[in-house]
Amino acid sequence: MKELIEVIAKALVENPDEVVVTQREDDRAIVLELHVAQSDMGKVIGKQGRIAKAIRSVVKAASAKETKKVIVDIQ
């Protein structure tokens, strides 16, 4: 999942070197934190959050076989 988010985010932003994805695991969930440059934040979120929602949908579909819930946190 981590690599998937990284590839998608790097394709969207102007500063792909500043894209960092970290992964944390809880008892029930896997939390993936996406960090991008402040100037690229709008490109990752999109108008009314449409791109962020699309990223979350793709990750949810890719993680269908996981037993834990996968959460994407954009920072």
PDB file of N, CA and C in Angstrom:
ATOM      1  N   MET A   1       0.812  -1.194   0.000  1.00  0.00           N
ATOM      2  CA  MET A   1       0.000   0.000   0.000  1.00  0.00           C
ATOM      3  C   MET A   1       0.863   1.270   0.000  1.00  0.00           C
ATOM      4  N   LYS A   2       1.930   1.204   0.775  1.00  0.00           N
ATOM      5  CA  LYS A   2       2.809   2.360   0.901  1.00  0.00           C
ATOM      6  C   LYS A   2       3.357   2.789  -0.464  1.00  0.00           C
ATOM      7  N   GLU A   3       3.792   1.829  -1.251  1.00  0.00           N
ATOM      8  CA  GLU A   3       4.356   2.123  -2.566  1.00  0.00           C
ATOM      9  C   GLU A   3       3.295   2.672  -3.514  1.00  0.00           C
ATOM     10  N   LEU A   4       2.084   2.155  -3.413  1.00  0.00           N
ATOM     11  CA  LEU A   4       0.987   2.605  -4.267  1.00  0.00           C
ATOM     12  C   LEU A   4       0.700   4.093  -4.039  1.00  0.00           C
ATOM     13  N   ILE A   5       0.595   4.491  -2.793  1.00  0.00           N
ATOM     14  CA  ILE A   5       0.331   5.893  -2.473  1.00  0.00           C
ATOM     15  C   ILE A   5       1.490   6.773  -2.935  1.00  0.00           C
ATOM     16  N   GLU A   6       2.698   6.281  -2.757  1.00  0.00           N
ATOM     17  CA  GLU A   6       3.884   7.043  -3.156  1.00  0.00           C
ATOM     18  C   GLU A   6       3.894   7.299  -4.663  1.00  0.00           C
ATOM     19  N   VAL A   7       3.583   6.294  -5.454  1.00  0.00           N
ATOM     20  CA  VAL A   7       3.569   6.435  -6.911  1.00  0.00           C
ATOM     21  C   VAL A   7       2.490   7.421  -7.349  1.00  0.00           C
ATOM     22  N   ILE A   8       1.315   7.313  -6.777  1.00  0.00           N
ATOM     23  CA  ILE A   8       0.211   8.213  -7.137  1.00  0.00           C
ATOM     24  C   ILE A   8       0.561   9.654  -6.774  1.00  0.00           C
ATOM     25  N   ALA A   9       1.070   9.864  -5.565  1.00  0.00           N
ATOM     26  CA  ALA A   9       1.381  11.215  -5.100  1.00  0.00           C
ATOM     27  C   ALA A   9       2.506  11.845  -5.915  1.00  0.00           C
ATOM     28  N   LYS A  10       3.538  11.074  -6.235  1.00  0.00           N
ATOM     29  CA  LYS A  10       4.652  11.619  -7.008  1.00  0.00           C
ATOM     30  C   LYS A  10       4.223  12.034  -8.406  1.00  0.00           C
ATOM     31  N   ALA A  11       3.212  11.382  -8.951  1.00  0.00           N
ATOM     32  CA  ALA A  11       2.703  11.745 -10.273  1.00  0.00           C
ATOM     33  C   ALA A  11       1.914  13.055 -10.231  1.00  0.00           C
ATOM     34  N   LEU A  12       1.385  13.409  -9.073  1.00  0.00           N
ATOM     35  CA  LEU A  12       0.539  14.595  -8.951  1.00  0.00           C
ATOM     36  C   LEU A  12       1.301  15.874  -8.625  1.00  0.00           C
ATOM     37  N   VAL A  13       2.379  15.771  -7.886  1.00  0.00           N
ATOM     38  CA  VAL A  13       3.035  16.962  -7.321  1.00  0.00           C
ATOM     39  C   VAL A  13       4.162  17.487  -8.208  1.00  0.00           C
ATOM     40  N   GLU A  14       4.576  18.733  -7.919  1.00  0.00           N
ATOM     41  CA  GLU A  14       5.699  19.344  -8.630  1.00  0.00           C
ATOM     42  C   GLU A  14       7.033  18.996  -7.981  1.00  0.00           C
ATOM     43  N   ASN A  15       7.019  18.660  -6.694  1.00  0.00           N
ATOM     44  CA  ASN A  15       8.235  18.304  -5.961  1.00  0.00           C
ATOM     45  C   ASN A  15       8.158  16.845  -5.512  1.00  0.00           C
ATOM     46  N   PRO A  16       8.385  15.899  -6.416  1.00  0.00           N
ATOM     47  CA  PRO A  16       8.251  14.484  -6.044  1.00  0.00           C
ATOM     48  C   PRO A  16       9.283  14.019  -5.015  1.00  0.00           C
ATOM     49  N   ASP A  17      10.400  14.749  -4.893  1.00  0.00           N
ATOM     50  CA  ASP A  17      11.420  14.371  -3.909  1.00  0.00           C
ATOM     51  C   ASP A  17      10.941  14.564  -2.477  1.00  0.00           C
ATOM     52  N   GLU A  18       9.952  15.420  -2.288  1.00  0.00           N
ATOM     53  CA  GLU A  18       9.463  15.714  -0.940  1.00  0.00           C
ATOM     54  C   GLU A  18       8.279  14.844  -0.523  1.00  0.00           C
ATOM     55  N   VAL A  19       7.913  13.883  -1.350  1.00  0.00           N
ATOM     56  CA  VAL A  19       6.816  12.970  -1.008  1.00  0.00           C
ATOM     57  C   VAL A  19       7.356  11.879  -0.089  1.00  0.00           C
ATOM     58  N   VAL A  20       6.736  11.764   1.093  1.00  0.00           N
ATOM     59  CA  VAL A  20       7.137  10.748   2.064  1.00  0.00           C
ATOM     60  C   VAL A  20       5.878  10.050   2.567  1.00  0.00           C
ATOM     61  N   VAL A  21       5.897   8.727   2.568  1.00  0.00           N
ATOM     62  CA  VAL A  21       4.777   7.945   3.082  1.00  0.00           C
ATOM     63  C   VAL A  21       5.289   7.110   4.252  1.00  0.00           C
ATOM     64  N   THR A  22       4.640   7.261   5.407  1.00  0.00           N
ATOM     65  CA  THR A  22       5.001   6.461   6.568  1.00  0.00           C
ATOM     66  C   THR A  22       3.828   5.569   6.938  1.00  0.00           C
ATOM     67  N   GLN A  23       4.138   4.445   7.535  1.00  0.00           N
ATOM     68  CA  GLN A  23       3.103   3.457   7.877  1.00  0.00           C
ATOM     69  C   GLN A  23       3.152   3.142   9.359  1.00  0.00           C
ATOM     70  N   ARG A  24       1.975   3.161   9.985  1.00  0.00           N
ATOM     71  CA  ARG A  24       1.812   2.769  11.393  1.00  0.00           C
ATOM     72  C   ARG A  24       0.744   1.701  11.454  1.00  0.00           C
ATOM     73  N   GLU A  25       0.887   0.803  12.393  1.00  0.00           N
ATOM     74  CA  GLU A  25      -0.138  -0.237  12.569  1.00  0.00           C
ATOM     75  C   GLU A  25      -0.685  -0.193  13.984  1.00  0.00           C
ATOM     76  N   ASP A  26      -2.000  -0.249  14.074  1.00  0.00           N
ATOM     77  CA  ASP A  26      -2.690  -0.357  15.352  1.00  0.00           C
ATOM     78  C   ASP A  26      -3.238  -1.774  15.455  1.00  0.00           C
ATOM     79  N   ASP A  27      -4.074  -2.000  16.460  1.00  0.00           N
ATOM     80  CA  ASP A  27      -4.707  -3.309  16.607  1.00  0.00           C
ATOM     81  C   ASP A  27      -5.679  -3.595  15.468  1.00  0.00           C
ATOM     82  N   ARG A  28      -6.401  -2.556  15.049  1.00  0.00           N
ATOM     83  CA  ARG A  28      -7.454  -2.751  14.057  1.00  0.00           C
ATOM     84  C   ARG A  28      -7.186  -2.099  12.708  1.00  0.00           C
ATOM     85  N   ALA A  29      -6.183  -1.217  12.617  1.00  0.00           N
ATOM     86  CA  ALA A  29      -6.015  -0.444  11.387  1.00  0.00           C
ATOM     87  C   ALA A  29      -4.555  -0.250  11.019  1.00  0.00           C
ATOM     88  N   ILE A  30      -4.343  -0.031   9.746  1.00  0.00           N
ATOM     89  CA  ILE A  30      -3.045   0.380   9.215  1.00  0.00           C
ATOM     90  C   ILE A  30      -3.211   1.830   8.776  1.00  0.00           C
ATOM     91  N   VAL A  31      -2.410   2.718   9.349  1.00  0.00           N
ATOM     92  CA  VAL A  31      -2.496   4.138   9.030  1.00  0.00           C
ATOM     93  C   VAL A  31      -1.320   4.504   8.133  1.00  0.00           C
ATOM     94  N   LEU A  32      -1.624   5.033   6.952  1.00  0.00           N
ATOM     95  CA  LEU A  32      -0.606   5.476   6.014  1.00  0.00           C
ATOM     96  C   LEU A  32      -0.647   6.999   5.977  1.00  0.00           C
ATOM     97  N   GLU A  33       0.454   7.632   6.359  1.00  0.00           N
ATOM     98  CA  GLU A  33       0.531   9.094   6.387  1.00  0.00           C
ATOM     99  C   GLU A  33       1.293   9.577   5.168  1.00  0.00           C
ATOM    100  N   LEU A  34       0.669  10.446   4.400  1.00  0.00           N
ATOM    101  CA  LEU A  34       1.274  11.013   3.199  1.00  0.00           C
ATOM    102  C   LEU A  34       1.702  12.442   3.506  1.00  0.00           C
ATOM    103  N   HIS A  35       2.998  12.706   3.370  1.00  0.00           N
ATOM    104  CA  HIS A  35       3.552  14.044   3.591  1.00  0.00           C
ATOM    105  C   HIS A  35       4.026  14.583   2.255  1.00  0.00           C
ATOM    106  N   VAL A  36       3.566  15.794   1.898  1.00  0.00           N
ATOM    107  CA  VAL A  36       4.005  16.455   0.666  1.00  0.00           C
ATOM    108  C   VAL A  36       4.422  17.887   1.012  1.00  0.00           C
ATOM    109  N   ALA A  37       5.075  18.548   0.070  1.00  0.00           N
ATOM    110  CA  ALA A  37       5.455  19.942   0.262  1.00  0.00           C
ATOM    111  C   ALA A  37       4.192  20.796   0.423  1.00  0.00           C
ATOM    112  N   GLN A  38       4.313  21.854   1.193  1.00  0.00           N
ATOM    113  CA  GLN A  38       3.154  22.722   1.452  1.00  0.00           C
ATOM    114  C   GLN A  38       2.570  23.274   0.152  1.00  0.00           C
ATOM    115  N   SER A  39       3.434  23.581  -0.816  1.00  0.00           N
ATOM    116  CA  SER A  39       2.952  24.137  -2.086  1.00  0.00           C
ATOM    117  C   SER A  39       2.202  23.101  -2.933  1.00  0.00           C
ATOM    118  N   ASP A  40       2.410  21.817  -2.661  1.00  0.00           N
ATOM    119  CA  ASP A  40       1.736  20.753  -3.413  1.00  0.00           C
ATOM    120  C   ASP A  40       0.494  20.209  -2.723  1.00  0.00           C
ATOM    121  N   MET A  41       0.196  20.710  -1.552  1.00  0.00           N
ATOM    122  CA  MET A  41      -0.931  20.188  -0.777  1.00  0.00           C
ATOM    123  C   MET A  41      -2.249  20.293  -1.552  1.00  0.00           C
ATOM    124  N   GLY A  42      -2.475  21.395  -2.226  1.00  0.00           N
ATOM    125  CA  GLY A  42      -3.709  21.581  -2.983  1.00  0.00           C
ATOM    126  C   GLY A  42      -3.850  20.603  -4.137  1.00  0.00           C
ATOM    127  N   LYS A  43      -2.728  20.233  -4.736  1.00  0.00           N
ATOM    128  CA  LYS A  43      -2.772  19.289  -5.857  1.00  0.00           C
ATOM    129  C   LYS A  43      -3.135  17.892  -5.389  1.00  0.00           C
ATOM    130  N   VAL A  44      -2.710  17.535  -4.190  1.00  0.00           N
ATOM    131  CA  VAL A  44      -3.003  16.202  -3.660  1.00  0.00           C
ATOM    132  C   VAL A  44      -4.433  16.129  -3.145  1.00  0.00           C
ATOM    133  N   ILE A  45      -4.922  17.225  -2.586  1.00  0.00           N
ATOM    134  CA  ILE A  45      -6.286  17.237  -2.049  1.00  0.00           C
ATOM    135  C   ILE A  45      -7.315  17.439  -3.170  1.00  0.00           C
ATOM    136  N   GLY A  46      -7.054  18.366  -4.073  1.00  0.00           N
ATOM    137  CA  GLY A  46      -7.968  18.625  -5.186  1.00  0.00           C
ATOM    138  C   GLY A  46      -9.149  19.475  -4.776  1.00  0.00           C
ATOM    139  N   LYS A  47      -9.924  19.861  -5.759  1.00  0.00           N
ATOM    140  CA  LYS A  47     -11.111  20.682  -5.491  1.00  0.00           C
ATOM    141  C   LYS A  47     -12.119  19.867  -4.702  1.00  0.00           C
ATOM    142  N   GLN A  48     -12.535  20.421  -3.582  1.00  0.00           N
ATOM    143  CA  GLN A  48     -13.502  19.793  -2.674  1.00  0.00           C
ATOM    144  C   GLN A  48     -13.067  18.394  -2.246  1.00  0.00           C
ATOM    145  N   GLY A  49     -11.750  18.141  -2.250  1.00  0.00           N
ATOM    146  CA  GLY A  49     -11.227  16.869  -1.769  1.00  0.00           C
ATOM    147  C   GLY A  49     -11.409  15.700  -2.707  1.00  0.00           C
ATOM    148  N   ARG A  50     -11.658  15.976  -3.967  1.00  0.00           N
ATOM    149  CA  ARG A  50     -11.945  14.891  -4.918  1.00  0.00           C
ATOM    150  C   ARG A  50     -10.741  13.980  -5.157  1.00  0.00           C
ATOM    151  N   ILE A  51      -9.556  14.553  -5.295  1.00  0.00           N
ATOM    152  CA  ILE A  51      -8.370  13.728  -5.549  1.00  0.00           C
ATOM    153  C   ILE A  51      -8.023  12.909  -4.312  1.00  0.00           C
ATOM    154  N   ALA A  52      -8.121  13.523  -3.134  1.00  0.00           N
ATOM    155  CA  ALA A  52      -7.857  12.793  -1.883  1.00  0.00           C
ATOM    156  C   ALA A  52      -8.839  11.631  -1.740  1.00  0.00           C
ATOM    157  N   LYS A  53     -10.083  11.868  -2.063  1.00  0.00           N
ATOM    158  CA  LYS A  53     -11.098  10.815  -1.986  1.00  0.00           C
ATOM    159  C   LYS A  53     -10.797   9.700  -2.986  1.00  0.00           C
ATOM    160  N   ALA A  54     -10.321  10.065  -4.172  1.00  0.00           N
ATOM    161  CA  ALA A  54      -9.980   9.069  -5.182  1.00  0.00           C
ATOM    162  C   ALA A  54      -8.786   8.221  -4.734  1.00  0.00           C
ATOM    163  N   ILE A  55      -7.796   8.862  -4.130  1.00  0.00           N
ATOM    164  CA  ILE A  55      -6.635   8.121  -3.611  1.00  0.00           C
ATOM    165  C   ILE A  55      -7.097   7.131  -2.550  1.00  0.00           C
ATOM    166  N   ARG A  56      -7.954   7.576  -1.649  1.00  0.00           N
ATOM    167  CA  ARG A  56      -8.459   6.689  -0.596  1.00  0.00           C
ATOM    168  C   ARG A  56      -9.262   5.533  -1.190  1.00  0.00           C
ATOM    169  N   SER A  57     -10.029   5.793  -2.239  1.00  0.00           N
ATOM    170  CA  SER A  57     -10.813   4.738  -2.885  1.00  0.00           C
ATOM    171  C   SER A  57      -9.917   3.680  -3.531  1.00  0.00           C
ATOM    172  N   VAL A  58      -8.857   4.127  -4.188  1.00  0.00           N
ATOM    173  CA  VAL A  58      -7.928   3.196  -4.826  1.00  0.00           C
ATOM    174  C   VAL A  58      -7.240   2.331  -3.771  1.00  0.00           C
ATOM    175  N   VAL A  59      -6.823   2.953  -2.672  1.00  0.00           N
ATOM    176  CA  VAL A  59      -6.156   2.203  -1.606  1.00  0.00           C
ATOM    177  C   VAL A  59      -7.126   1.226  -0.956  1.00  0.00           C
ATOM    178  N   LYS A  60      -8.369   1.649  -0.787  1.00  0.00           N
ATOM    179  CA  LYS A  60      -9.368   0.753  -0.194  1.00  0.00           C
ATOM    180  C   LYS A  60      -9.600  -0.460  -1.087  1.00  0.00           C
ATOM    181  N   ALA A  61      -9.657  -0.248  -2.387  1.00  0.00           N
ATOM    182  CA  ALA A  61      -9.846  -1.362  -3.318  1.00  0.00           C
ATOM    183  C   ALA A  61      -8.628  -2.285  -3.325  1.00  0.00           C
ATOM    184  N   ALA A  62      -7.437  -1.703  -3.243  1.00  0.00           N
ATOM    185  CA  ALA A  62      -6.214  -2.513  -3.255  1.00  0.00           C
ATOM    186  C   ALA A  62      -6.037  -3.297  -1.965  1.00  0.00           C
ATOM    187  N   SER A  63      -6.632  -2.811  -0.884  1.00  0.00           N
ATOM    188  CA  SER A  63      -6.463  -3.459   0.416  1.00  0.00           C
ATOM    189  C   SER A  63      -7.655  -4.324   0.793  1.00  0.00           C
ATOM    190  N   ALA A  64      -8.433  -4.723  -0.177  1.00  0.00           N
ATOM    191  CA  ALA A  64      -9.641  -5.499   0.107  1.00  0.00           C
ATOM    192  C   ALA A  64      -9.341  -6.821   0.799  1.00  0.00           C
ATOM    193  N   LYS A  65      -8.178  -7.405   0.539  1.00  0.00           N
ATOM    194  CA  LYS A  65      -7.839  -8.686   1.146  1.00  0.00           C
ATOM    195  C   LYS A  65      -7.206  -8.545   2.526  1.00  0.00           C
ATOM    196  N   GLU A  66      -6.889  -7.325   2.927  1.00  0.00           N
ATOM    197  CA  GLU A  66      -6.310  -7.095   4.255  1.00  0.00           C
ATOM    198  C   GLU A  66      -7.376  -7.354   5.325  1.00  0.00           C
ATOM    199  N   THR A  67      -6.944  -7.841   6.464  1.00  0.00           N
ATOM    200  CA  THR A  67      -7.878  -8.065   7.566  1.00  0.00           C
ATOM    201  C   THR A  67      -8.101  -6.789   8.355  1.00  0.00           C
ATOM    202  N   LYS A  68      -7.164  -5.839   8.239  1.00  0.00           N
ATOM    203  CA  LYS A  68      -7.271  -4.578   8.962  1.00  0.00           C
ATOM    204  C   LYS A  68      -7.757  -3.475   8.028  1.00  0.00           C
ATOM    205  N   LYS A  69      -8.357  -2.457   8.620  1.00  0.00           N
ATOM    206  CA  LYS A  69      -8.801  -1.299   7.875  1.00  0.00           C
ATOM    207  C   LYS A  69      -7.585  -0.450   7.519  1.00  0.00           C
ATOM    208  N   VAL A  70      -7.549   0.105   6.311  1.00  0.00           N
ATOM    209  CA  VAL A  70      -6.436   0.950   5.885  1.00  0.00           C
ATOM    210  C   VAL A  70      -6.921   2.383   5.824  1.00  0.00           C
ATOM    211  N   ILE A  71      -6.209   3.267   6.527  1.00  0.00           N
ATOM    212  CA  ILE A  71      -6.568   4.686   6.601  1.00  0.00           C
ATOM    213  C   ILE A  71      -5.466   5.503   5.949  1.00  0.00           C
ATOM    214  N   VAL A  72      -5.832   6.423   5.060  1.00  0.00           N
ATOM    215  CA  VAL A  72      -4.867   7.320   4.421  1.00  0.00           C
ATOM    216  C   VAL A  72      -5.023   8.694   5.040  1.00  0.00           C
ATOM    217  N   ASP A  73      -3.942   9.191   5.636  1.00  0.00           N
ATOM    218  CA  ASP A  73      -3.929  10.499   6.284  1.00  0.00           C
ATOM    219  C   ASP A  73      -2.997  11.410   5.495  1.00  0.00           C
ATOM    220  N   ILE A  74      -3.531  12.501   4.946  1.00  0.00           N
ATOM    221  CA  ILE A  74      -2.728  13.424   4.140  1.00  0.00           C
ATOM    222  C   ILE A  74      -2.320  14.600   5.025  1.00  0.00           C
ATOM    223  N   GLN A  75      -1.001  14.822   5.083  1.00  0.00           N
ATOM    224  CA  GLN A  75      -0.492  15.910   5.940  1.00  0.00           C
ATOM    225  C   GLN A  75       0.413  16.808   5.158  1.00  0.00           C
TER     226      GLN A  75
END
